[in-house]
Amino acid sequence: MTKTIIEITGMTCSHCENSVAEELMNVSGVTSASADHETGTATIESASVAEQALADAVEEAGYKAVGFKTVDA
């Protein structure tokens, strides 16, 4: 299992967090997703998922992924 932290611009409220988390959960291989507008990040756990698929999901929610940090769990 891999933990990935995504830096996201544009989130301002809990509705933003929910939108991002829902879109990330739609990505095949993602087992959990949460977002935090105060830190401007989303954290996911997954079995190997391409960063582009995650960035596309964030964009689908209406925001922009600007950085990725992967930590093996």
PDB file of N, CA and C in Angstrom:
ATOM      1  N   MET A   1       0.845  -1.171   0.000  1.00  0.00           N
ATOM      2  CA  MET A   1       0.000   0.000   0.000  1.00  0.00           C
ATOM      3  C   MET A   1       0.894   1.239   0.000  1.00  0.00           C
ATOM      4  N   THR A   2       0.510   2.231  -0.762  1.00  0.00           N
ATOM      5  CA  THR A   2       1.279   3.457  -0.871  1.00  0.00           C
ATOM      6  C   THR A   2       0.436   4.636  -0.406  1.00  0.00           C
ATOM      7  N   LYS A   3       1.053   5.535   0.321  1.00  0.00           N
ATOM      8  CA  LYS A   3       0.398   6.768   0.759  1.00  0.00           C
ATOM      9  C   LYS A   3       0.954   7.906  -0.086  1.00  0.00           C
ATOM     10  N   THR A   4       0.059   8.710  -0.670  1.00  0.00           N
ATOM     11  CA  THR A   4       0.465   9.837  -1.494  1.00  0.00           C
ATOM     12  C   THR A   4      -0.184  11.106  -0.968  1.00  0.00           C
ATOM     13  N   ILE A   5       0.620  12.153  -0.836  1.00  0.00           N
ATOM     14  CA  ILE A   5       0.114  13.462  -0.434  1.00  0.00           C
ATOM     15  C   ILE A   5       0.163  14.357  -1.667  1.00  0.00           C
ATOM     16  N   ILE A   6      -0.985  14.942  -1.995  1.00  0.00           N
ATOM     17  CA  ILE A   6      -1.104  15.782  -3.186  1.00  0.00           C
ATOM     18  C   ILE A   6      -1.291  17.228  -2.755  1.00  0.00           C
ATOM     19  N   GLU A   7      -0.449  18.132  -3.264  1.00  0.00           N
ATOM     20  CA  GLU A   7      -0.637  19.563  -3.024  1.00  0.00           C
ATOM     21  C   GLU A   7      -1.651  20.073  -4.040  1.00  0.00           C
ATOM     22  N   ILE A   8      -2.667  20.805  -3.548  1.00  0.00           N
ATOM     23  CA  ILE A   8      -3.775  21.245  -4.395  1.00  0.00           C
ATOM     24  C   ILE A   8      -4.024  22.729  -4.188  1.00  0.00           C
ATOM     25  N   THR A   9      -4.228  23.453  -5.280  1.00  0.00           N
ATOM     26  CA  THR A   9      -4.575  24.869  -5.170  1.00  0.00           C
ATOM     27  C   THR A   9      -6.070  25.052  -5.398  1.00  0.00           C
ATOM     28  N   GLY A  10      -6.636  26.053  -4.703  1.00  0.00           N
ATOM     29  CA  GLY A  10      -8.021  26.446  -4.947  1.00  0.00           C
ATOM     30  C   GLY A  10      -9.041  25.981  -3.937  1.00  0.00           C
ATOM     31  N   MET A  11      -8.697  25.062  -3.036  1.00  0.00           N
ATOM     32  CA  MET A  11      -9.678  24.603  -2.054  1.00  0.00           C
ATOM     33  C   MET A  11      -9.845  25.658  -0.963  1.00  0.00           C
ATOM     34  N   THR A  12     -11.100  25.980  -0.627  1.00  0.00           N
ATOM     35  CA  THR A  12     -11.349  27.015   0.365  1.00  0.00           C
ATOM     36  C   THR A  12     -12.309  26.605   1.489  1.00  0.00           C
ATOM     37  N   CYS A  13     -12.930  25.422   1.380  1.00  0.00           N
ATOM     38  CA  CYS A  13     -13.943  25.054   2.371  1.00  0.00           C
ATOM     39  C   CYS A  13     -14.119  23.530   2.424  1.00  0.00           C
ATOM     40  N   SER A  14     -14.989  23.086   3.327  1.00  0.00           N
ATOM     41  CA  SER A  14     -15.218  21.647   3.467  1.00  0.00           C
ATOM     42  C   SER A  14     -15.903  21.056   2.235  1.00  0.00           C
ATOM     43  N   HIS A  15     -16.700  21.851   1.540  1.00  0.00           N
ATOM     44  CA  HIS A  15     -17.312  21.368   0.294  1.00  0.00           C
ATOM     45  C   HIS A  15     -16.214  21.038  -0.718  1.00  0.00           C
ATOM     46  N   CYS A  16     -15.199  21.874  -0.790  1.00  0.00           N
ATOM     47  CA  CYS A  16     -14.062  21.623  -1.680  1.00  0.00           C
ATOM     48  C   CYS A  16     -13.390  20.294  -1.312  1.00  0.00           C
ATOM     49  N   GLU A  17     -13.175  20.092  -0.007  1.00  0.00           N
ATOM     50  CA  GLU A  17     -12.547  18.865   0.467  1.00  0.00           C
ATOM     51  C   GLU A  17     -13.349  17.639   0.028  1.00  0.00           C
ATOM     52  N   ASN A  18     -14.660  17.710   0.212  1.00  0.00           N
ATOM     53  CA  ASN A  18     -15.516  16.577  -0.151  1.00  0.00           C
ATOM     54  C   ASN A  18     -15.480  16.295  -1.645  1.00  0.00           C
ATOM     55  N   SER A  19     -15.500  17.344  -2.460  1.00  0.00           N
ATOM     56  CA  SER A  19     -15.466  17.172  -3.914  1.00  0.00           C
ATOM     57  C   SER A  19     -14.180  16.478  -4.355  1.00  0.00           C
ATOM     58  N   VAL A  20     -13.063  16.932  -3.812  1.00  0.00           N
ATOM     59  CA  VAL A  20     -11.769  16.346  -4.165  1.00  0.00           C
ATOM     60  C   VAL A  20     -11.702  14.887  -3.710  1.00  0.00           C
ATOM     61  N   ALA A  21     -12.095  14.624  -2.470  1.00  0.00           N
ATOM     62  CA  ALA A  21     -12.031  13.258  -1.943  1.00  0.00           C
ATOM     63  C   ALA A  21     -12.918  12.312  -2.748  1.00  0.00           C
ATOM     64  N   GLU A  22     -14.117  12.758  -3.118  1.00  0.00           N
ATOM     65  CA  GLU A  22     -15.026  11.916  -3.908  1.00  0.00           C
ATOM     66  C   GLU A  22     -14.418  11.574  -5.261  1.00  0.00           C
ATOM     67  N   GLU A  23     -13.844  12.556  -5.942  1.00  0.00           N
ATOM     68  CA  GLU A  23     -13.238  12.300  -7.255  1.00  0.00           C
ATOM     69  C   GLU A  23     -12.040  11.363  -7.126  1.00  0.00           C
ATOM     70  N   LEU A  24     -11.224  11.552  -6.089  1.00  0.00           N
ATOM     71  CA  LEU A  24     -10.068  10.675  -5.896  1.00  0.00           C
ATOM     72  C   LEU A  24     -10.503   9.238  -5.616  1.00  0.00           C
ATOM     73  N   MET A  25     -11.598   9.062  -4.885  1.00  0.00           N
ATOM     74  CA  MET A  25     -12.096   7.710  -4.603  1.00  0.00           C
ATOM     75  C   MET A  25     -12.586   7.002  -5.866  1.00  0.00           C
ATOM     76  N   ASN A  26     -12.896   7.760  -6.921  1.00  0.00           N
ATOM     77  CA  ASN A  26     -13.322   7.171  -8.186  1.00  0.00           C
ATOM     78  C   ASN A  26     -12.159   6.627  -9.014  1.00  0.00           C
ATOM     79  N   VAL A  27     -10.930   6.934  -8.616  1.00  0.00           N
ATOM     80  CA  VAL A  27      -9.749   6.452  -9.340  1.00  0.00           C
ATOM     81  C   VAL A  27      -9.505   4.991  -8.949  1.00  0.00           C
ATOM     82  N   SER A  28      -9.403   4.144  -9.946  1.00  0.00           N
ATOM     83  CA  SER A  28      -9.169   2.718  -9.718  1.00  0.00           C
ATOM     84  C   SER A  28      -7.871   2.513  -8.943  1.00  0.00           C
ATOM     85  N   GLY A  29      -7.948   1.760  -7.855  1.00  0.00           N
ATOM     86  CA  GLY A  29      -6.775   1.479  -7.038  1.00  0.00           C
ATOM     87  C   GLY A  29      -6.704   2.297  -5.765  1.00  0.00           C
ATOM     88  N   VAL A  30      -7.458   3.400  -5.694  1.00  0.00           N
ATOM     89  CA  VAL A  30      -7.471   4.228  -4.485  1.00  0.00           C
ATOM     90  C   VAL A  30      -8.373   3.563  -3.454  1.00  0.00           C
ATOM     91  N   THR A  31      -7.829   3.337  -2.248  1.00  0.00           N
ATOM     92  CA  THR A  31      -8.606   2.679  -1.192  1.00  0.00           C
ATOM     93  C   THR A  31      -9.117   3.658  -0.144  1.00  0.00           C
ATOM     94  N   SER A  32      -8.460   4.820  -0.002  1.00  0.00           N
ATOM     95  CA  SER A  32      -8.968   5.866   0.884  1.00  0.00           C
ATOM     96  C   SER A  32      -8.461   7.209   0.397  1.00  0.00           C
ATOM     97  N   ALA A  33      -9.270   8.244   0.648  1.00  0.00           N
ATOM     98  CA  ALA A  33      -8.898   9.594   0.225  1.00  0.00           C
ATOM     99  C   ALA A  33      -9.508  10.609   1.173  1.00  0.00           C
ATOM    100  N   SER A  34      -8.721  11.610   1.526  1.00  0.00           N
ATOM    101  CA  SER A  34      -9.222  12.723   2.325  1.00  0.00           C
ATOM    102  C   SER A  34      -8.512  13.984   1.854  1.00  0.00           C
ATOM    103  N   ALA A  35      -9.167  15.124   2.051  1.00  0.00           N
ATOM    104  CA  ALA A  35      -8.578  16.398   1.639  1.00  0.00           C
ATOM    105  C   ALA A  35      -8.717  17.395   2.782  1.00  0.00           C
ATOM    106  N   ASP A  36      -7.820  18.371   2.822  1.00  0.00           N
ATOM    107  CA  ASP A  36      -7.827  19.398   3.858  1.00  0.00           C
ATOM    108  C   ASP A  36      -7.566  20.754   3.208  1.00  0.00           C
ATOM    109  N   HIS A  37      -8.595  21.614   3.198  1.00  0.00           N
ATOM    110  CA  HIS A  37      -8.433  22.907   2.536  1.00  0.00           C
ATOM    111  C   HIS A  37      -7.468  23.819   3.286  1.00  0.00           C
ATOM    112  N   GLU A  38      -7.332  23.637   4.603  1.00  0.00           N
ATOM    113  CA  GLU A  38      -6.435  24.493   5.380  1.00  0.00           C
ATOM    114  C   GLU A  38      -4.973  24.255   5.035  1.00  0.00           C
ATOM    115  N   THR A  39      -4.613  23.001   4.755  1.00  0.00           N
ATOM    116  CA  THR A  39      -3.231  22.692   4.383  1.00  0.00           C
ATOM    117  C   THR A  39      -3.049  22.659   2.867  1.00  0.00           C
ATOM    118  N   GLY A  40      -4.164  22.654   2.135  1.00  0.00           N
ATOM    119  CA  GLY A  40      -4.079  22.590   0.677  1.00  0.00           C
ATOM    120  C   GLY A  40      -3.573  21.255   0.178  1.00  0.00           C
ATOM    121  N   THR A  41      -3.945  20.182   0.898  1.00  0.00           N
ATOM    122  CA  THR A  41      -3.472  18.855   0.499  1.00  0.00           C
ATOM    123  C   THR A  41      -4.605  17.833   0.505  1.00  0.00           C
ATOM    124  N   ALA A  42      -4.348  16.756  -0.207  1.00  0.00           N
ATOM    125  CA  ALA A  42      -5.189  15.565  -0.138  1.00  0.00           C
ATOM    126  C   ALA A  42      -4.251  14.401   0.133  1.00  0.00           C
ATOM    127  N   THR A  43      -4.729  13.435   0.890  1.00  0.00           N
ATOM    128  CA  THR A  43      -3.936  12.251   1.197  1.00  0.00           C
ATOM    129  C   THR A  43      -4.711  11.034   0.734  1.00  0.00           C
ATOM    130  N   ILE A  44      -4.043  10.186  -0.027  1.00  0.00           N
ATOM    131  CA  ILE A  44      -4.691   8.954  -0.493  1.00  0.00           C
ATOM    132  C   ILE A  44      -3.843   7.755  -0.121  1.00  0.00           C
ATOM    133  N   GLU A  45      -4.495   6.624  -0.002  1.00  0.00           N
ATOM    134  CA  GLU A  45      -3.815   5.348   0.112  1.00  0.00           C
ATOM    135  C   GLU A  45      -4.259   4.530  -1.085  1.00  0.00           C
ATOM    136  N   SER A  46      -3.301   3.856  -1.691  1.00  0.00           N
ATOM    137  CA  SER A  46      -3.621   3.126  -2.914  1.00  0.00           C
ATOM    138  C   SER A  46      -2.605   2.027  -3.173  1.00  0.00           C
ATOM    139  N   ALA A  47      -3.000   1.161  -4.075  1.00  0.00           N
ATOM    140  CA  ALA A  47      -2.069   0.231  -4.679  1.00  0.00           C
ATOM    141  C   ALA A  47      -1.642   0.933  -5.963  1.00  0.00           C
ATOM    142  N   SER A  48      -0.424   1.212  -6.125  1.00  0.00           N
ATOM    143  CA  SER A  48       0.161   1.866  -7.296  1.00  0.00           C
ATOM    144  C   SER A  48      -0.822   2.520  -8.268  1.00  0.00           C
ATOM    145  N   VAL A  49      -0.936   3.840  -8.183  1.00  0.00           N
ATOM    146  CA  VAL A  49      -1.787   4.627  -9.071  1.00  0.00           C
ATOM    147  C   VAL A  49      -0.916   5.715  -9.704  1.00  0.00           C
ATOM    148  N   ALA A  50      -1.093   5.942 -10.995  1.00  0.00           N
ATOM    149  CA  ALA A  50      -0.310   6.956 -11.705  1.00  0.00           C
ATOM    150  C   ALA A  50      -0.669   8.357 -11.216  1.00  0.00           C
ATOM    151  N   GLU A  51       0.364   9.202 -11.043  1.00  0.00           N
ATOM    152  CA  GLU A  51       0.116  10.575 -10.608  1.00  0.00           C
ATOM    153  C   GLU A  51      -0.820  11.313 -11.561  1.00  0.00           C
ATOM    154  N   GLN A  52      -0.722  11.028 -12.853  1.00  0.00           N
ATOM    155  CA  GLN A  52      -1.583  11.711 -13.826  1.00  0.00           C
ATOM    156  C   GLN A  52      -3.051  11.391 -13.581  1.00  0.00           C
ATOM    157  N   ALA A  53      -3.356  10.155 -13.193  1.00  0.00           N
ATOM    158  CA  ALA A  53      -4.745   9.776 -12.896  1.00  0.00           C
ATOM    159  C   ALA A  53      -5.254  10.557 -11.688  1.00  0.00           C
ATOM    160  N   LEU A  54      -4.386  10.757 -10.698  1.00  0.00           N
ATOM    161  CA  LEU A  54      -4.766  11.527  -9.521  1.00  0.00           C
ATOM    162  C   LEU A  54      -4.954  13.008  -9.878  1.00  0.00           C
ATOM    163  N   ALA A  55      -4.040  13.535 -10.676  1.00  0.00           N
ATOM    164  CA  ALA A  55      -4.146  14.939 -11.108  1.00  0.00           C
ATOM    165  C   ALA A  55      -5.419  15.156 -11.907  1.00  0.00           C
ATOM    166  N   ASP A  56      -5.761  14.211 -12.763  1.00  0.00           N
ATOM    167  CA  ASP A  56      -6.987  14.315 -13.556  1.00  0.00           C
ATOM    168  C   ASP A  56      -8.220  14.326 -12.658  1.00  0.00           C
ATOM    169  N   ALA A  57      -8.209  13.517 -11.602  1.00  0.00           N
ATOM    170  CA  ALA A  57      -9.344  13.468 -10.668  1.00  0.00           C
ATOM    171  C   ALA A  57      -9.484  14.793  -9.930  1.00  0.00           C
ATOM    172  N   VAL A  58      -8.367  15.361  -9.505  1.00  0.00           N
ATOM    173  CA  VAL A  58      -8.396  16.665  -8.823  1.00  0.00           C
ATOM    174  C   VAL A  58      -8.948  17.725  -9.767  1.00  0.00           C
ATOM    175  N   GLU A  59      -8.508  17.701 -11.035  1.00  0.00           N
ATOM    176  CA  GLU A  59      -8.994  18.657 -12.022  1.00  0.00           C
ATOM    177  C   GLU A  59     -10.486  18.475 -12.284  1.00  0.00           C
ATOM    178  N   GLU A  60     -10.947  17.233 -12.294  1.00  0.00           N
ATOM    179  CA  GLU A  60     -12.370  16.935 -12.490  1.00  0.00           C
ATOM    180  C   GLU A  60     -13.207  17.568 -11.368  1.00  0.00           C
ATOM    181  N   ALA A  61     -12.625  17.664 -10.178  1.00  0.00           N
ATOM    182  CA  ALA A  61     -13.313  18.283  -9.041  1.00  0.00           C
ATOM    183  C   ALA A  61     -13.269  19.808  -9.121  1.00  0.00           C
ATOM    184  N   GLY A  62     -12.443  20.338 -10.036  1.00  0.00           N
ATOM    185  CA  GLY A  62     -12.387  21.782 -10.229  1.00  0.00           C
ATOM    186  C   GLY A  62     -11.170  22.462  -9.626  1.00  0.00           C
ATOM    187  N   TYR A  63     -10.146  21.681  -9.298  1.00  0.00           N
ATOM    188  CA  TYR A  63      -8.952  22.226  -8.651  1.00  0.00           C
ATOM    189  C   TYR A  63      -7.711  21.783  -9.406  1.00  0.00           C
ATOM    190  N   LYS A  64      -6.531  22.197  -8.935  1.00  0.00           N
ATOM    191  CA  LYS A  64      -5.302  21.855  -9.637  1.00  0.00           C
ATOM    192  C   LYS A  64      -4.304  21.205  -8.683  1.00  0.00           C
ATOM    193  N   ALA A  65      -3.815  20.037  -9.080  1.00  0.00           N
ATOM    194  CA  ALA A  65      -2.769  19.352  -8.340  1.00  0.00           C
ATOM    195  C   ALA A  65      -1.424  19.944  -8.768  1.00  0.00           C
ATOM    196  N   VAL A  66      -0.639  20.437  -7.797  1.00  0.00           N
ATOM    197  CA  VAL A  66       0.610  21.092  -8.123  1.00  0.00           C
ATOM    198  C   VAL A  66       1.838  20.366  -7.592  1.00  0.00           C
ATOM    199  N   GLY A  67       1.623  19.283  -6.841  1.00  0.00           N
ATOM    200  CA  GLY A  67       2.771  18.540  -6.336  1.00  0.00           C
ATOM    201  C   GLY A  67       2.349  17.211  -5.730  1.00  0.00           C
ATOM    202  N   PHE A  68       3.256  16.263  -5.745  1.00  0.00           N
ATOM    203  CA  PHE A  68       3.000  14.925  -5.213  1.00  0.00           C
ATOM    204  C   PHE A  68       4.158  14.490  -4.336  1.00  0.00           C
ATOM    205  N   LYS A  69       3.826  13.854  -3.217  1.00  0.00           N
ATOM    206  CA  LYS A  69       4.840  13.248  -2.354  1.00  0.00           C
ATOM    207  C   LYS A  69       4.345  11.854  -2.028  1.00  0.00           C
ATOM    208  N   THR A  70       5.136  10.852  -2.382  1.00  0.00           N
ATOM    209  CA  THR A  70       4.751   9.466  -2.149  1.00  0.00           C
ATOM    210  C   THR A  70       5.573   8.884  -1.004  1.00  0.00           C
ATOM    211  N   VAL A  71       4.855   8.222  -0.100  1.00  0.00           N
ATOM    212  CA  VAL A  71       5.482   7.580   1.047  1.00  0.00           C
ATOM    213  C   VAL A  71       5.019   6.135   1.056  1.00  0.00           C
ATOM    214  N   ASP A  72       5.951   5.196   1.002  1.00  0.00           N
ATOM    215  CA  ASP A  72       5.561   3.784   1.068  1.00  0.00           C
ATOM    216  C   ASP A  72       5.102   3.474   2.475  1.00  0.00           C
ATOM    217  N   ALA A  73       3.927   2.854   2.542  1.00  0.00           N
ATOM    218  CA  ALA A  73       3.363   2.531   3.865  1.00  0.00           C
ATOM    219  C   ALA A  73       3.563   1.084   4.203  1.00  0.00           C
TER     220      ALA A  73
END
